[in-house]
Amino acid sequence: MTIAPSGQQFAIADGGHRATVVEVGGGIREYVFDGRPVLDGYGADEMCSGARGAPLMPWPNRLEDGQYTFAGRTYQLPLSEPATHNAIHGLLRWRNYTERERDAARVVVGTVLHPHSGYPFSLDVAIEYVVSAGTAAGHRPGLTVTTTATNLGDTALPFASGQHPYLAAGAPLIDESTLRLDAERWIPTDERGLPAGVEPVAGSPRDFRAPRPVGDARIDHAFTGLARDADGLAWVELTAPDGRTTRLWADHSYSYLQLYTGDTQAPSRRRRSLAVEPMTGPPNALRSGEGLVVLEPGTSFTMSWGIQPG
């Protein structure tokens, strides 16, 4: 008997919305609306590439030298991006998640990160995925992802979170799509992909406050100073050449949105979609402390993001 590279598959559906969550990494492998891919995911016979749909905890993005200091002690994590001497995207991307709750349109998967030398803390993670045609009580139409992190230990722990969905371009290349992100500032990076200050988007090539084509822009940057609606949600809109718009929202827990045009992906994936990554902290948060959440023993932190296909 063979198993899928991403492990057990948890399929959920409501109306024209269909999604598959996976055991390995607890991410979302595919999301389809009325037969059209909303996410640029991967097949059941493939291993997840480029962190597609993956939750990123207990930190998202890059951590300089894999090293950080917390409560007066310095810790060293494995360098999962050795070419640039960084640790990237946390510790849970390849761990198995178990099904905790499930019905036709909803699944909750979870895992426990036990202490080790680089992160000597006990962290429980539960992620709820819901798809709704608009009838599920308390959920917006589309996909809603709610993550709860809980400190199971007896000391405080440092935490930041993100997730890495790729929005399908609706065309062979992302260049032909139109992007809107109302953010005041963006974070330039150095040759290692680490933050190099914060700049206003006004007057820069990173200003997408008014919708405009992605074109040949190469983007792998975090944005902050996010405009929010009356419900406290920040939005990204990606419009395909045929006029259909996919909207990703993030609640107040996510102060940063990372955009990535996929220029460093394998040739078959390059610039095929736009990664839009809600993040609670910026790149290097575990080291800088900026945007870092400190979870006291027994306390939890809950955050939500979602997608409305058009």
Protein backbone atom coordinates (compact mmCIF):
# COMPACT_ATOMS: atom_id res chain seq x y z
CA MET A 1 0.00 0.00 0.00
CA THR A 2 1.22 3.49 -0.85
CA ILE A 3 0.31 6.73 0.90
CA ALA A 4 0.18 10.28 -0.39
CA PRO A 5 3.38 12.29 0.22
CA SER A 6 1.25 14.76 2.20
CA GLY A 7 -0.30 11.97 4.26
CA GLN A 8 -3.99 11.65 5.09
CA GLN A 9 -6.33 13.90 3.08
CA PHE A 10 -9.19 15.73 4.83
CA ALA A 11 -11.76 16.82 2.23
CA ILE A 12 -14.42 19.39 3.09
CA ALA A 13 -17.12 20.91 0.88
CA ASP A 14 -20.17 23.18 0.88
CA GLY A 15 -22.05 24.21 -2.25
CA GLY A 16 -19.49 24.95 -4.94
CA HIS A 17 -16.64 25.24 -2.42
CA ARG A 18 -14.27 22.28 -2.07
CA ALA A 19 -10.99 22.12 -0.15
CA THR A 20 -8.48 19.50 0.95
CA VAL A 21 -6.41 19.81 4.12
CA VAL A 22 -3.44 17.49 4.65
CA GLU A 23 -1.87 15.56 7.49
CA VAL A 24 1.74 16.60 6.73
CA GLY A 25 2.16 20.19 7.86
CA GLY A 26 -1.56 20.72 8.49
CA GLY A 27 -1.85 22.93 5.42
CA ILE A 28 -4.40 23.35 2.65
CA ARG A 29 -3.47 21.43 -0.49
CA GLU A 30 -6.26 22.67 -2.76
CA TYR A 31 -9.26 24.98 -2.77
CA VAL A 32 -11.68 24.99 -5.71
CA PHE A 33 -14.80 27.09 -6.27
CA ASP A 34 -17.32 26.03 -8.93
CA GLY A 35 -14.66 23.87 -10.55
CA ARG A 36 -12.08 26.67 -10.75
CA PRO A 37 -8.84 26.53 -8.72
CA VAL A 38 -8.72 29.38 -6.21
CA LEU A 39 -5.34 28.31 -4.85
CA ASP A 40 -2.32 27.18 -6.84
CA GLY A 41 -1.83 24.05 -4.78
CA TYR A 42 -0.31 20.66 -5.51
CA GLY A 43 -1.48 17.18 -6.41
CA ALA A 44 -2.28 14.33 -4.05
CA ASP A 45 0.70 12.48 -5.55
CA GLU A 46 3.11 15.38 -4.95
CA MET A 47 5.14 16.60 -2.00
CA CYS A 48 4.35 20.15 -0.91
CA SER A 49 6.69 22.62 -2.65
CA GLY A 50 7.37 26.25 -1.81
CA ALA A 51 5.42 25.92 1.49
CA ARG A 52 2.18 25.90 -0.52
CA GLY A 53 -0.72 26.37 1.89
CA ALA A 54 1.46 25.60 4.91
CA PRO A 55 1.06 27.08 8.41
CA LEU A 56 4.30 28.73 9.55
CA MET A 57 4.90 28.42 13.30
CA PRO A 58 6.33 29.29 15.78
CA TRP A 59 7.68 31.91 13.40
CA PRO A 60 7.05 32.79 9.73
CA ASN A 61 9.61 33.82 7.15
CA ARG A 62 13.34 34.05 7.89
CA LEU A 63 15.24 34.04 11.17
CA GLU A 64 18.78 35.42 10.93
CA ASP A 65 21.42 32.77 11.67
CA GLY A 66 18.65 30.64 13.22
CA GLN A 67 19.40 32.35 16.50
CA TYR A 68 17.30 34.33 18.96
CA THR A 69 17.31 35.42 22.60
CA PHE A 70 14.30 35.11 24.87
CA ALA A 71 14.05 35.75 28.62
CA GLY A 72 17.80 36.24 28.83
CA ARG A 73 18.77 32.97 27.12
CA THR A 74 20.06 32.50 23.59
CA TYR A 75 18.88 29.58 21.46
CA GLN A 76 20.13 28.06 18.20
CA LEU A 77 17.76 26.50 15.66
CA PRO A 78 18.66 24.34 12.64
CA LEU A 79 19.47 26.31 9.49
CA SER A 80 16.67 25.19 7.17
CA GLU A 81 17.85 27.73 4.56
CA PRO A 82 21.58 26.93 4.70
CA ALA A 83 22.60 28.87 1.59
CA THR A 84 21.73 32.14 3.36
CA HIS A 85 22.40 30.90 6.92
CA ASN A 86 18.78 31.38 7.96
CA ALA A 87 16.10 29.29 9.61
CA ILE A 88 12.84 29.66 7.69
CA HIS A 89 9.12 29.14 8.27
CA GLY A 90 9.13 27.56 11.70
CA LEU A 91 9.22 23.97 12.92
CA LEU A 92 5.88 22.46 11.88
CA ARG A 93 5.94 22.27 8.08
CA TRP A 94 6.76 18.55 7.98
CA ARG A 95 5.12 17.39 11.20
CA ASN A 96 2.02 15.21 11.18
CA TYR A 97 -1.23 16.83 12.26
CA THR A 98 -4.13 14.72 13.51
CA GLU A 99 -7.82 15.20 12.87
CA ARG A 100 -9.47 16.55 16.03
CA GLU A 101 -12.95 17.42 14.74
CA ARG A 102 -14.65 17.07 11.39
CA ASP A 103 -17.94 17.40 9.54
CA ALA A 104 -18.86 17.87 5.90
CA ALA A 105 -17.70 21.50 5.63
CA ARG A 106 -15.25 21.76 8.53
CA VAL A 107 -12.14 20.09 9.86
CA VAL A 108 -9.90 20.88 12.82
CA VAL A 109 -6.36 19.50 12.70
CA GLY A 110 -3.77 19.81 15.43
CA THR A 111 -0.32 18.95 16.67
CA VAL A 112 1.84 19.43 19.77
CA LEU A 113 5.35 20.82 19.47
CA HIS A 114 7.35 19.36 22.35
CA PRO A 115 10.44 21.10 23.81
CA HIS A 116 13.86 20.69 22.20
CA SER A 117 17.17 22.51 22.45
CA GLY A 118 16.37 25.25 19.94
CA TYR A 119 12.80 25.84 21.16
CA PRO A 120 12.42 24.42 24.71
CA PHE A 121 8.69 25.14 24.97
CA SER A 122 5.46 23.14 24.79
CA LEU A 123 3.08 24.49 22.15
CA ASP A 124 -0.28 23.12 21.04
CA VAL A 125 -1.56 24.20 17.64
CA ALA A 126 -5.15 23.69 16.43
CA ILE A 127 -6.22 24.89 12.97
CA GLU A 128 -9.87 25.01 11.90
CA TYR A 129 -10.68 25.07 8.18
CA VAL A 130 -14.26 25.86 7.12
CA VAL A 131 -15.74 26.29 3.65
CA SER A 132 -19.10 27.97 3.36
CA ALA A 133 -21.49 28.88 0.59
CA GLY A 134 -22.76 31.60 2.92
CA THR A 135 -24.97 29.51 5.18
CA ALA A 136 -22.51 28.37 7.87
CA ALA A 137 -23.27 30.27 11.07
CA GLY A 138 -20.52 32.66 12.06
CA HIS A 139 -18.47 32.15 8.90
CA ARG A 140 -18.02 34.35 5.86
CA PRO A 141 -18.66 32.90 2.40
CA GLY A 142 -15.60 31.11 1.09
CA LEU A 143 -12.76 29.67 3.13
CA THR A 144 -12.06 30.61 6.76
CA VAL A 145 -8.92 29.46 8.58
CA THR A 146 -8.70 29.94 12.35
CA THR A 147 -5.53 29.03 14.22
CA THR A 148 -5.23 28.73 18.00
CA ALA A 149 -1.84 28.37 19.68
CA THR A 150 -1.73 27.39 23.36
CA ASN A 151 1.19 27.32 25.77
CA LEU A 152 1.10 23.90 27.46
CA GLY A 153 4.24 24.51 29.50
CA ASP A 154 5.06 26.20 32.78
CA THR A 155 7.13 29.08 31.37
CA ALA A 156 6.34 31.87 28.89
CA LEU A 157 7.17 31.23 25.23
CA PRO A 158 7.81 33.40 22.14
CA PHE A 159 5.48 32.95 19.20
CA ALA A 160 4.71 34.32 15.75
CA SER A 161 2.57 32.81 13.03
CA GLY A 162 1.83 32.90 9.35
CA GLN A 163 0.37 30.84 6.52
CA HIS A 164 1.46 30.48 2.90
CA PRO A 165 -1.40 30.17 0.36
CA TYR A 166 -0.72 30.90 -3.32
CA LEU A 167 -3.62 32.62 -5.10
CA ALA A 168 -4.15 31.24 -8.59
CA ALA A 169 -3.52 33.86 -11.26
CA GLY A 170 -6.31 32.78 -13.60
CA ALA A 171 -3.74 32.99 -16.41
CA PRO A 172 -0.45 31.29 -17.27
CA LEU A 173 1.52 34.01 -15.46
CA ILE A 174 0.82 36.37 -12.59
CA ASP A 175 2.02 39.25 -14.81
CA GLU A 176 -1.42 39.43 -16.45
CA SER A 177 -3.32 39.82 -13.16
CA THR A 178 -4.24 43.02 -11.33
CA LEU A 179 -3.28 43.46 -7.67
CA ARG A 180 -4.65 45.69 -4.93
CA LEU A 181 -3.19 45.92 -1.41
CA ASP A 182 -3.88 49.01 0.69
CA ALA A 183 -0.73 49.17 2.84
CA GLU A 184 1.27 52.22 3.86
CA ARG A 185 4.71 50.62 4.28
CA TRP A 186 6.83 47.80 2.91
CA ILE A 187 9.97 46.07 4.22
CA PRO A 188 12.99 45.97 1.89
CA THR A 189 15.34 43.01 2.31
CA ASP A 190 19.04 42.36 1.96
CA GLU A 191 20.74 39.63 -0.08
CA ARG A 192 19.83 37.08 2.61
CA GLY A 193 16.14 37.98 2.51
CA LEU A 194 16.33 39.68 5.92
CA PRO A 195 14.65 43.02 6.76
CA ALA A 196 16.60 46.14 5.79
CA GLY A 197 14.43 48.90 7.27
CA VAL A 198 10.88 49.98 6.55
CA GLU A 199 9.89 52.27 3.66
CA PRO A 200 6.66 54.04 2.62
CA VAL A 201 5.03 52.52 -0.43
CA ALA A 202 4.20 56.00 -1.77
CA GLY A 203 6.42 56.75 -4.73
CA SER A 204 7.85 53.22 -4.81
CA PRO A 205 7.32 50.27 -7.16
CA ARG A 206 5.61 48.54 -4.22
CA ASP A 207 2.57 50.83 -4.18
CA PHE A 208 -0.52 48.75 -4.93
CA ARG A 209 -3.02 50.88 -3.02
CA ALA A 210 -4.76 51.52 -6.32
CA PRO A 211 -5.30 48.37 -8.41
CA ARG A 212 -2.69 47.88 -11.12
CA PRO A 213 -1.20 45.00 -13.10
CA VAL A 214 1.55 42.99 -11.46
CA GLY A 215 3.52 43.16 -14.70
CA ASP A 216 7.15 42.11 -14.36
CA ALA A 217 7.44 43.21 -10.71
CA ARG A 218 9.54 40.83 -8.62
CA ILE A 219 8.06 40.83 -5.12
CA ASP A 220 9.10 38.90 -2.01
CA HIS A 221 8.38 41.48 0.68
CA ALA A 222 6.24 42.09 3.74
CA PHE A 223 3.78 44.98 3.87
CA THR A 224 2.39 46.68 6.97
CA GLY A 225 0.34 49.72 7.92
CA LEU A 226 -2.61 47.79 6.53
CA ALA A 227 -5.90 49.58 5.87
CA ARG A 228 -8.83 47.83 7.54
CA ASP A 229 -12.57 47.77 7.02
CA ALA A 230 -15.28 48.31 9.66
CA ASP A 231 -14.77 44.72 10.85
CA GLY A 232 -11.04 45.21 11.34
CA LEU A 233 -10.10 43.13 8.30
CA ALA A 234 -7.25 43.85 5.88
CA TRP A 235 -7.79 42.76 2.26
CA VAL A 236 -5.76 41.76 -0.78
CA GLU A 237 -7.50 41.56 -4.15
CA LEU A 238 -6.17 39.68 -7.17
CA THR A 239 -8.14 40.08 -10.40
CA ALA A 240 -7.65 37.65 -13.27
CA PRO A 241 -7.63 38.79 -16.91
CA ASP A 242 -11.24 37.55 -17.24
CA GLY A 243 -12.34 39.93 -14.45
CA ARG A 244 -12.85 37.38 -11.68
CA THR A 245 -11.46 38.64 -8.36
CA THR A 246 -10.13 36.55 -5.47
CA ARG A 247 -10.06 38.40 -2.15
CA LEU A 248 -7.96 37.34 0.83
CA TRP A 249 -8.72 38.85 4.23
CA ALA A 250 -6.81 38.82 7.52
CA ASP A 251 -8.05 39.81 10.97
CA HIS A 252 -6.38 42.24 13.40
CA SER A 253 -4.00 39.53 14.68
CA TYR A 254 -2.13 39.73 11.38
CA SER A 255 -0.26 43.03 11.15
CA TYR A 256 1.80 42.00 8.11
CA LEU A 257 1.09 40.54 4.67
CA GLN A 258 3.94 39.02 2.69
CA LEU A 259 3.59 38.97 -1.11
CA TYR A 260 5.73 36.65 -3.24
CA THR A 261 5.59 36.43 -7.03
CA GLY A 262 7.40 33.08 -7.09
CA ASP A 263 10.48 34.15 -9.01
CA THR A 264 12.73 31.65 -7.20
CA GLN A 265 10.39 28.67 -7.71
CA ALA A 266 11.11 25.77 -10.05
CA PRO A 267 10.64 26.82 -13.72
CA SER A 268 7.27 25.07 -13.99
CA ARG A 269 5.98 27.05 -10.98
CA ARG A 270 7.74 30.37 -11.50
CA ARG A 271 5.40 33.41 -11.51
CA ARG A 272 2.40 31.09 -11.90
CA SER A 273 0.61 32.47 -8.82
CA LEU A 274 0.88 35.02 -6.04
CA ALA A 275 1.66 33.93 -2.48
CA VAL A 276 -0.24 36.13 -0.01
CA GLU A 277 0.95 35.30 3.48
CA PRO A 278 -0.81 36.70 6.57
CA MET A 279 1.80 37.08 9.34
CA THR A 280 1.50 38.18 12.97
CA GLY A 281 5.07 39.46 12.93
CA PRO A 282 7.58 40.59 10.30
CA PRO A 283 10.53 38.57 9.00
CA ASN A 284 13.09 37.99 11.78
CA ALA A 285 10.47 38.57 14.49
CA LEU A 286 11.80 35.85 16.78
CA ARG A 287 15.16 37.65 16.83
CA SER A 288 14.07 41.30 16.71
CA GLY A 289 11.09 40.89 19.03
CA GLU A 290 9.00 43.07 16.72
CA GLY A 291 5.42 41.83 16.56
CA LEU A 292 6.32 38.87 18.78
CA VAL A 293 3.55 37.32 20.88
CA VAL A 294 4.55 36.15 24.36
CA LEU A 295 2.28 33.35 25.52
CA GLU A 296 2.15 32.86 29.27
CA PRO A 297 1.56 29.34 30.66
CA GLY A 298 -1.96 28.13 29.93
CA THR A 299 -2.85 31.03 27.63
CA SER A 300 -3.88 30.92 23.97
CA PHE A 301 -3.67 33.19 20.93
CA THR A 302 -6.26 32.88 18.16
CA MET A 303 -6.09 34.40 14.68
CA SER A 304 -8.16 34.13 11.48
CA TRP A 305 -7.79 34.72 7.77
CA GLY A 306 -9.81 33.65 4.78
CA ILE A 307 -10.51 33.78 1.07
CA GLN A 308 -13.57 34.91 -0.86
CA PRO A 309 -13.47 33.72 -4.48
CA GLY A 310 -15.22 35.72 -7.16
